[in-house]
């Protein structure tokens, strides 16, 4: 019975990690795919478009879920070389998105009052905000791919 409980815990963490990371990626991809259409908008139009992100701070729950579940999963698979390596890569990528957010994205949110005002250096801030989200999307994609690779079977035969 103990082994079955361990397998169940492992599967719950794998599912949670994959789910939360995929949800985090969906937000990142939304930012990435809209970037080409937003990056050259004039200030007033850009400010209007940015209002679609009102309430997106709740996505912090998803990011925290991805971080926590992947951290736990990394610990659970620590004795399985392949699974550990890919899960650890995913964890590093998720941590990377947080570093990017806190160093590049969050300060812009503060300076623009979450894009309700346009400071004189708004173009600089816009570029920093947009490209930090693009970088995070890339890290989230790598994290999801690494997690998928971590759960694929070891065998080379069908």
C-alpha atoms as a PDB file:
ATOM      1  CA  UNK A   1       0.000   0.000   0.000  1.00  0.00           C
ATOM      2  CA  UNK A   2       2.869   2.392   0.757  1.00  0.00           C
ATOM      3  CA  UNK A   3       4.252   2.041  -2.786  1.00  0.00           C
ATOM      4  CA  UNK A   4       0.819   2.789  -4.250  1.00  0.00           C
ATOM      5  CA  UNK A   5       0.612   5.951  -2.126  1.00  0.00           C
ATOM      6  CA  UNK A   6       4.045   7.072  -3.332  1.00  0.00           C
ATOM      7  CA  UNK A   7       3.043   6.493  -6.950  1.00  0.00           C
ATOM      8  CA  UNK A   8      -0.199   8.410  -6.379  1.00  0.00           C
ATOM      9  CA  UNK A   9       1.681  11.357  -4.807  1.00  0.00           C
ATOM     10  CA  UNK A  10       4.154  11.343  -7.678  1.00  0.00           C
ATOM     11  CA  UNK A  11       1.371  11.315 -10.268  1.00  0.00           C
ATOM     12  CA  UNK A  12      -0.493  14.125  -8.505  1.00  0.00           C
ATOM     13  CA  UNK A  13       2.664  16.250  -8.502  1.00  0.00           C
ATOM     14  CA  UNK A  14       3.397  15.452 -12.142  1.00  0.00           C
ATOM     15  CA  UNK A  15      -0.147  16.398 -13.102  1.00  0.00           C
ATOM     16  CA  UNK A  16      -0.072  19.572 -10.986  1.00  0.00           C
ATOM     17  CA  UNK A  17       3.293  20.649 -12.308  1.00  0.00           C
ATOM     18  CA  UNK A  18       2.276  20.070 -15.929  1.00  0.00           C
ATOM     19  CA  UNK A  19      -1.091  21.796 -15.449  1.00  0.00           C
ATOM     20  CA  UNK A  20       0.203  24.888 -13.645  1.00  0.00           C
ATOM     21  CA  UNK A  21       3.153  25.261 -16.015  1.00  0.00           C
ATOM     22  CA  UNK A  22       0.866  24.977 -19.057  1.00  0.00           C
ATOM     23  CA  UNK A  23      -1.476  27.596 -17.579  1.00  0.00           C
ATOM     24  CA  UNK A  24       1.461  29.927 -16.906  1.00  0.00           C
ATOM     25  CA  UNK A  25       2.641  29.386 -20.466  1.00  0.00           C
ATOM     26  CA  UNK A  26      -0.782  30.283 -21.854  1.00  0.00           C
ATOM     27  CA  UNK A  27      -0.546  33.749 -20.305  1.00  0.00           C
ATOM     28  CA  UNK A  28       3.030  34.131 -21.529  1.00  0.00           C
ATOM     29  CA  UNK A  29       2.076  33.127 -25.059  1.00  0.00           C
ATOM     30  CA  UNK A  30      -0.785  35.636 -25.029  1.00  0.00           C
ATOM     31  CA  UNK A  31       1.762  38.374 -24.308  1.00  0.00           C
ATOM     32  CA  UNK A  32       4.190  37.032 -26.890  1.00  0.00           C
ATOM     33  CA  UNK A  33       1.660  36.723 -29.721  1.00  0.00           C
ATOM     34  CA  UNK A  34       0.235  40.195 -29.196  1.00  0.00           C
ATOM     35  CA  UNK A  35       3.652  41.868 -28.961  1.00  0.00           C
ATOM     36  CA  UNK A  36       4.065  42.545 -32.716  1.00  0.00           C
ATOM     37  CA  UNK A  37       0.675  44.257 -32.827  1.00  0.00           C
ATOM     38  CA  UNK A  38       1.233  46.372 -29.713  1.00  0.00           C
ATOM     39  CA  UNK A  39       4.894  47.330 -29.759  1.00  0.00           C
ATOM     40  CA  UNK A  40       4.506  50.311 -32.114  1.00  0.00           C
ATOM     41  CA  UNK A  41       1.182  51.675 -30.904  1.00  0.00           C
ATOM     42  CA  UNK A  42       1.076  55.346 -29.958  1.00  0.00           C
ATOM     43  CA  UNK A  43       0.961  56.065 -26.220  1.00  0.00           C
ATOM     44  CA  UNK A  44      -2.772  56.650 -25.833  1.00  0.00           C
ATOM     45  CA  UNK A  45      -3.648  53.494 -27.776  1.00  0.00           C
ATOM     46  CA  UNK A  46      -1.067  51.436 -25.934  1.00  0.00           C
ATOM     47  CA  UNK A  47      -2.432  52.630 -22.597  1.00  0.00           C
ATOM     48  CA  UNK A  48      -5.955  51.652 -23.674  1.00  0.00           C
ATOM     49  CA  UNK A  49      -4.874  48.186 -24.825  1.00  0.00           C
ATOM     50  CA  UNK A  50      -2.954  47.592 -21.597  1.00  0.00           C
ATOM     51  CA  UNK A  51      -6.197  47.797 -19.631  1.00  0.00           C
ATOM     52  CA  UNK A  52      -7.020  44.248 -20.774  1.00  0.00           C
ATOM     53  CA  UNK A  53      -4.560  43.066 -18.106  1.00  0.00           C
ATOM     54  CA  UNK A  54      -6.626  44.373 -15.225  1.00  0.00           C
ATOM     55  CA  UNK A  55      -6.982  41.454 -12.808  1.00  0.00           C
ATOM     56  CA  UNK A  56      -4.173  39.416 -14.323  1.00  0.00           C
ATOM     57  CA  UNK A  57      -2.305  39.647 -11.030  1.00  0.00           C
ATOM     58  CA  UNK A  58      -4.412  36.648  -9.984  1.00  0.00           C
ATOM     59  CA  UNK A  59      -2.214  34.611 -12.330  1.00  0.00           C
ATOM     60  CA  UNK A  60       0.318  34.781  -9.524  1.00  0.00           C
ATOM     61  CA  UNK A  61      -1.615  31.846  -8.061  1.00  0.00           C
ATOM     62  CA  UNK A  62      -0.864  29.820 -11.192  1.00  0.00           C
ATOM     63  CA  UNK A  63       2.798  30.794 -11.144  1.00  0.00           C
ATOM     64  CA  UNK A  64       3.070  29.910  -7.460  1.00  0.00           C
ATOM     65  CA  UNK A  65       1.358  26.574  -8.195  1.00  0.00           C
ATOM     66  CA  UNK A  66       3.855  25.847 -10.985  1.00  0.00           C
ATOM     67  CA  UNK A  67       6.790  26.774  -8.792  1.00  0.00           C
ATOM     68  CA  UNK A  68       5.666  24.819  -5.739  1.00  0.00           C
ATOM     69  CA  UNK A  69       4.491  21.680  -7.558  1.00  0.00           C
ATOM     70  CA  UNK A  70       7.639  21.548  -9.691  1.00  0.00           C
ATOM     71  CA  UNK A  71       9.830  22.029  -6.622  1.00  0.00           C
ATOM     72  CA  UNK A  72       8.060  19.152  -4.865  1.00  0.00           C
ATOM     73  CA  UNK A  73       8.234  17.036  -8.019  1.00  0.00           C
ATOM     74  CA  UNK A  74      11.970  17.696  -8.316  1.00  0.00           C
ATOM     75  CA  UNK A  75      12.415  16.364  -4.791  1.00  0.00           C
ATOM     76  CA  UNK A  76      10.213  13.303  -5.467  1.00  0.00           C
ATOM     77  CA  UNK A  77      12.152  12.267  -8.591  1.00  0.00           C
ATOM     78  CA  UNK A  78      15.615  13.054  -7.239  1.00  0.00           C
ATOM     79  CA  UNK A  79      16.731   9.392  -7.550  1.00  0.00           C
ATOM     80  CA  UNK A  80      15.561   9.043 -11.167  1.00  0.00           C
ATOM     81  CA  UNK A  81      18.322  10.585 -13.267  1.00  0.00           C
ATOM     82  CA  UNK A  82      16.353  11.406 -16.431  1.00  0.00           C
ATOM     83  CA  UNK A  83      13.237  12.600 -14.649  1.00  0.00           C
ATOM     84  CA  UNK A  84      15.277  14.635 -12.174  1.00  0.00           C
ATOM     85  CA  UNK A  85      17.356  16.325 -14.867  1.00  0.00           C
ATOM     86  CA  UNK A  86      14.356  17.437 -16.911  1.00  0.00           C
ATOM     87  CA  UNK A  87      12.298  18.390 -13.862  1.00  0.00           C
ATOM     88  CA  UNK A  88      15.185  20.408 -12.457  1.00  0.00           C
ATOM     89  CA  UNK A  89      15.540  22.228 -15.805  1.00  0.00           C
ATOM     90  CA  UNK A  90      11.825  23.033 -15.632  1.00  0.00           C
ATOM     91  CA  UNK A  91      12.217  24.305 -12.084  1.00  0.00           C
ATOM     92  CA  UNK A  92      15.129  26.534 -13.080  1.00  0.00           C
ATOM     93  CA  UNK A  93      13.079  27.959 -15.951  1.00  0.00           C
ATOM     94  CA  UNK A  94      10.132  28.705 -13.674  1.00  0.00           C
ATOM     95  CA  UNK A  95      12.473  30.385 -11.198  1.00  0.00           C
ATOM     96  CA  UNK A  96      13.910  32.276 -14.180  1.00  0.00           C
ATOM     97  CA  UNK A  97      10.496  33.673 -15.045  1.00  0.00           C
ATOM     98  CA  UNK A  98      10.215  34.990 -11.504  1.00  0.00           C
ATOM     99  CA  UNK A  99      13.625  36.623 -11.673  1.00  0.00           C
ATOM    100  CA  UNK A 100      12.623  38.303 -14.939  1.00  0.00           C
ATOM    101  CA  UNK A 101       9.302  39.416 -13.478  1.00  0.00           C
ATOM    102  CA  UNK A 102      10.732  40.946 -10.321  1.00  0.00           C
ATOM    103  CA  UNK A 103      13.727  42.588 -11.996  1.00  0.00           C
ATOM    104  CA  UNK A 104      12.153  43.810 -15.249  1.00  0.00           C
ATOM    105  CA  UNK A 105       8.340  43.572 -15.315  1.00  0.00           C
ATOM    106  CA  UNK A 106       7.267  44.534 -11.810  1.00  0.00           C
ATOM    107  CA  UNK A 107       9.287  47.785 -11.692  1.00  0.00           C
ATOM    108  CA  UNK A 108       7.561  48.881 -14.913  1.00  0.00           C
ATOM    109  CA  UNK A 109       4.168  48.054 -13.419  1.00  0.00           C
ATOM    110  CA  UNK A 110       5.075  50.270 -10.477  1.00  0.00           C
ATOM    111  CA  UNK A 111       6.343  53.166 -12.596  1.00  0.00           C
ATOM    112  CA  UNK A 112       3.252  53.122 -14.801  1.00  0.00           C
ATOM    113  CA  UNK A 113       0.792  52.360 -11.998  1.00  0.00           C
ATOM    114  CA  UNK A 114      -0.077  49.174 -13.901  1.00  0.00           C
ATOM    115  CA  UNK A 115      -0.295  51.094 -17.146  1.00  0.00           C
ATOM    116  CA  UNK A 116      -2.783  53.695 -15.979  1.00  0.00           C
ATOM    117  CA  UNK A 117      -0.257  56.508 -16.534  1.00  0.00           C
ATOM    118  CA  UNK A 118       2.379  57.149 -19.180  1.00  0.00           C
ATOM    119  CA  UNK A 119       5.643  58.497 -17.776  1.00  0.00           C
ATOM    120  CA  UNK A 120       7.878  60.462 -20.122  1.00  0.00           C
ATOM    121  CA  UNK A 121      10.066  57.383 -20.648  1.00  0.00           C
ATOM    122  CA  UNK A 122       7.067  55.166 -21.445  1.00  0.00           C
ATOM    123  CA  UNK A 123       8.577  53.822 -24.701  1.00  0.00           C
ATOM    124  CA  UNK A 124      11.580  52.490 -22.793  1.00  0.00           C
ATOM    125  CA  UNK A 125       9.269  51.043 -20.164  1.00  0.00           C
ATOM    126  CA  UNK A 126       6.983  49.526 -22.799  1.00  0.00           C
ATOM    127  CA  UNK A 127       9.915  47.753 -24.446  1.00  0.00           C
ATOM    128  CA  UNK A 128      11.179  46.466 -21.106  1.00  0.00           C
ATOM    129  CA  UNK A 129       7.678  45.246 -20.160  1.00  0.00           C
ATOM    130  CA  UNK A 130       6.925  43.589 -23.513  1.00  0.00           C
ATOM    131  CA  UNK A 131      10.292  41.898 -23.940  1.00  0.00           C
ATOM    132  CA  UNK A 132      10.405  40.708 -20.343  1.00  0.00           C
ATOM    133  CA  UNK A 133       7.107  38.952 -20.963  1.00  0.00           C
ATOM    134  CA  UNK A 134       8.472  37.464 -24.188  1.00  0.00           C
ATOM    135  CA  UNK A 135      11.514  36.122 -22.336  1.00  0.00           C
ATOM    136  CA  UNK A 136       9.271  34.652 -19.639  1.00  0.00           C
ATOM    137  CA  UNK A 137       7.146  32.947 -22.294  1.00  0.00           C
ATOM    138  CA  UNK A 138      10.294  31.322 -23.699  1.00  0.00           C
ATOM    139  CA  UNK A 139      11.275  30.081 -20.231  1.00  0.00           C
ATOM    140  CA  UNK A 140       7.747  28.780 -19.596  1.00  0.00           C
ATOM    141  CA  UNK A 141       7.806  26.925 -22.922  1.00  0.00           C
ATOM    142  CA  UNK A 142      11.151  25.315 -22.096  1.00  0.00           C
ATOM    143  CA  UNK A 143       9.796  24.396 -18.645  1.00  0.00           C
ATOM    144  CA  UNK A 144       6.732  22.702 -20.119  1.00  0.00           C
ATOM    145  CA  UNK A 145       8.787  20.831 -22.703  1.00  0.00           C
ATOM    146  CA  UNK A 146      11.222  19.660 -20.011  1.00  0.00           C
ATOM    147  CA  UNK A 147       8.342  18.440 -17.848  1.00  0.00           C
ATOM    148  CA  UNK A 148       6.863  16.534 -20.773  1.00  0.00           C
ATOM    149  CA  UNK A 149      10.248  14.953 -21.457  1.00  0.00           C
ATOM    150  CA  UNK A 150      10.549  14.034 -17.782  1.00  0.00           C
ATOM    151  CA  UNK A 151       7.450  11.832 -17.934  1.00  0.00           C
ATOM    152  CA  UNK A 152       8.125  10.093 -21.228  1.00  0.00           C
ATOM    153  CA  UNK A 153       9.026   6.407 -20.920  1.00  0.00           C
ATOM    154  CA  UNK A 154      12.713   5.475 -20.661  1.00  0.00           C
ATOM    155  CA  UNK A 155      12.551   2.684 -23.227  1.00  0.00           C
ATOM    156  CA  UNK A 156      13.736   3.216 -26.800  1.00  0.00           C
ATOM    157  CA  UNK A 157      11.474   0.465 -28.120  1.00  0.00           C
ATOM    158  CA  UNK A 158       7.782   0.590 -28.899  1.00  0.00           C
END
